[in-house]
Amino acid sequence: MMTDGRGGFLANYPFADLSMLGWRFVCFAPPETPPGVGIGTRRALFVDDDNRTMTFDVDRHGRMHDHATYAAGGDIIMIADSPHAALLLAASPLTAHPNALLEIRGVTESQI
C-alpha cells in the first residue's frame, strides 16, 4: 500500500481526519527502519498553519503504528498512544496548556 511514496495511507483513519483539521502531509522520513519500529514502518510528518507538527509511525498497511508525536512551539512535546488521542491533540487549540493536553486519555509528555 505504501509503495508509491505516499501510498493510500492518507485515506485511512486517523490521517484522513487530520486534513479536515487543517493538517498537511509533508513527507516520509528516509526509508531506513528507525530503532524500535517494525519493518515496513515509515515516519510521516504533518504540519498545520500554526507550525505545529505531528509525526506518525505508519505501518506497511497504512495504519498508525505504536504512537504519534505532537510538538507545538518547541517546548511542548506530547506522545499519543492511540489514533483517537492523536486526533484530540491535533484538534487542540494552539493556546492549550500542557496540563490540559495531559488530561487527554492516552497522552503523555515526552521526556526528551
Protein backbone atom coordinates (compact mmCIF):
# COMPACT_ATOMS: atom_id res chain seq x y z
CA MET A 1 0.00 0.00 0.00
CA MET A 2 2.88 2.40 0.62
CA THR A 3 4.93 1.64 -2.47
CA ASP A 4 4.44 4.96 -4.25
CA GLY A 5 5.98 7.13 -1.51
CA ARG A 6 2.63 8.32 -0.18
CA GLY A 7 0.65 5.16 -0.59
CA GLY A 8 -3.03 5.20 0.18
CA PHE A 9 -2.48 5.84 3.86
CA LEU A 10 -3.87 9.40 3.70
CA ALA A 11 -7.36 7.94 3.19
CA ASN A 12 -7.07 5.88 6.40
CA TYR A 13 -8.04 6.81 9.96
CA PRO A 14 -6.68 8.96 11.60
CA PHE A 15 -4.83 10.54 8.65
CA ALA A 16 -7.94 11.47 6.64
CA ASP A 17 -9.29 13.29 9.70
CA LEU A 18 -6.08 15.31 10.04
CA SER A 19 -6.68 17.03 6.71
CA MET A 20 -10.17 18.04 7.86
CA LEU A 21 -8.48 19.70 10.86
CA GLY A 22 -6.13 21.67 8.59
CA TRP A 23 -3.05 19.45 8.89
CA ARG A 24 -0.96 18.70 5.78
CA PHE A 25 1.21 15.70 4.98
CA VAL A 26 4.77 16.94 4.38
CA CYS A 27 6.93 13.87 3.81
CA PHE A 28 8.08 10.47 4.93
CA ALA A 29 11.36 10.11 6.76
CA PRO A 30 14.05 8.25 4.82
CA PRO A 31 13.16 4.58 4.26
CA GLU A 32 15.57 3.22 6.88
CA THR A 33 13.97 1.38 9.78
CA PRO A 34 14.29 3.52 12.94
CA PRO A 35 15.18 1.65 16.16
CA GLY A 36 12.13 0.12 17.81
CA VAL A 37 9.96 0.49 14.71
CA GLY A 38 8.71 -2.54 12.80
CA ILE A 39 9.94 -3.47 9.34
CA GLY A 40 7.96 -1.66 6.69
CA THR A 41 7.10 1.19 9.04
CA ARG A 42 7.81 4.77 7.95
CA ARG A 43 7.63 8.03 9.83
CA ALA A 44 5.19 10.52 8.33
CA LEU A 45 5.44 14.23 9.13
CA PHE A 46 2.38 16.51 9.23
CA VAL A 47 2.23 20.27 9.87
CA ASP A 48 -0.57 22.77 10.43
CA ASP A 49 -0.83 26.51 9.72
CA ASP A 50 0.49 27.30 13.22
CA ASN A 51 3.70 25.30 12.55
CA ARG A 52 2.73 22.58 15.00
CA THR A 53 3.99 19.19 13.89
CA MET A 54 2.82 15.63 14.27
CA THR A 55 4.97 12.64 13.44
CA PHE A 56 3.33 9.24 13.00
CA ASP A 57 4.79 5.79 12.61
CA VAL A 58 2.82 4.35 9.67
CA ASP A 59 2.88 0.58 9.12
CA ARG A 60 3.04 -1.13 5.73
CA HIS A 61 -0.77 -1.35 5.69
CA GLY A 62 -1.11 2.43 6.02
CA ARG A 63 -2.20 2.45 9.66
CA MET A 64 -0.81 4.28 12.67
CA HIS A 65 1.72 2.04 14.40
CA ASP A 66 2.59 2.40 18.09
CA HIS A 67 2.38 6.16 18.68
CA ALA A 68 2.37 9.72 17.33
CA THR A 69 4.44 12.68 18.49
CA TYR A 70 2.93 16.18 18.74
CA ALA A 71 5.10 19.31 19.01
CA ALA A 72 3.98 22.90 19.48
CA GLY A 73 6.32 25.83 19.87
CA GLY A 74 9.39 23.78 20.70
CA ASP A 75 8.62 23.42 24.41
CA ILE A 76 5.52 21.25 24.22
CA ILE A 77 6.13 17.69 23.04
CA MET A 78 3.45 15.08 23.69
CA ILE A 79 3.12 11.41 22.81
CA ALA A 80 -0.24 9.92 21.79
CA ASP A 81 -0.57 6.16 22.07
CA SER A 82 -3.76 5.84 20.01
CA PRO A 83 -5.21 7.35 16.84
CA HIS A 84 -8.02 8.91 18.90
CA ALA A 85 -5.57 10.62 21.28
CA ALA A 86 -3.53 11.85 18.30
CA LEU A 87 -6.63 13.44 16.75
CA LEU A 88 -7.53 15.14 20.02
CA LEU A 89 -4.02 16.64 20.15
CA ALA A 90 -4.35 17.74 16.52
CA ALA A 91 -7.71 19.38 17.28
CA SER A 92 -6.46 21.16 20.41
CA PRO A 93 -6.18 24.95 20.31
CA LEU A 94 -2.73 26.44 19.86
CA THR A 95 -3.12 28.09 23.26
CA ALA A 96 -3.85 24.82 25.08
CA HIS A 97 -1.86 24.50 28.29
CA PRO A 98 0.30 21.34 28.52
CA ASN A 99 -1.65 20.22 31.60
CA ALA A 100 -4.87 20.32 29.56
CA LEU A 101 -3.25 18.17 26.87
CA LEU A 102 -2.13 15.67 29.52
CA GLU A 103 -5.78 15.22 30.53
CA ILE A 104 -6.41 13.52 27.17
CA ARG A 105 -6.53 9.77 27.72
CA GLY A 106 -3.53 8.14 26.03
CA VAL A 107 -1.35 11.30 26.03
CA THR A 108 1.92 11.60 27.94
CA GLU A 109 4.60 14.25 27.97
CA SER A 110 7.82 13.46 26.14
CA GLN A 111 10.79 13.07 28.44
CA ILE A 112 13.31 14.17 25.80
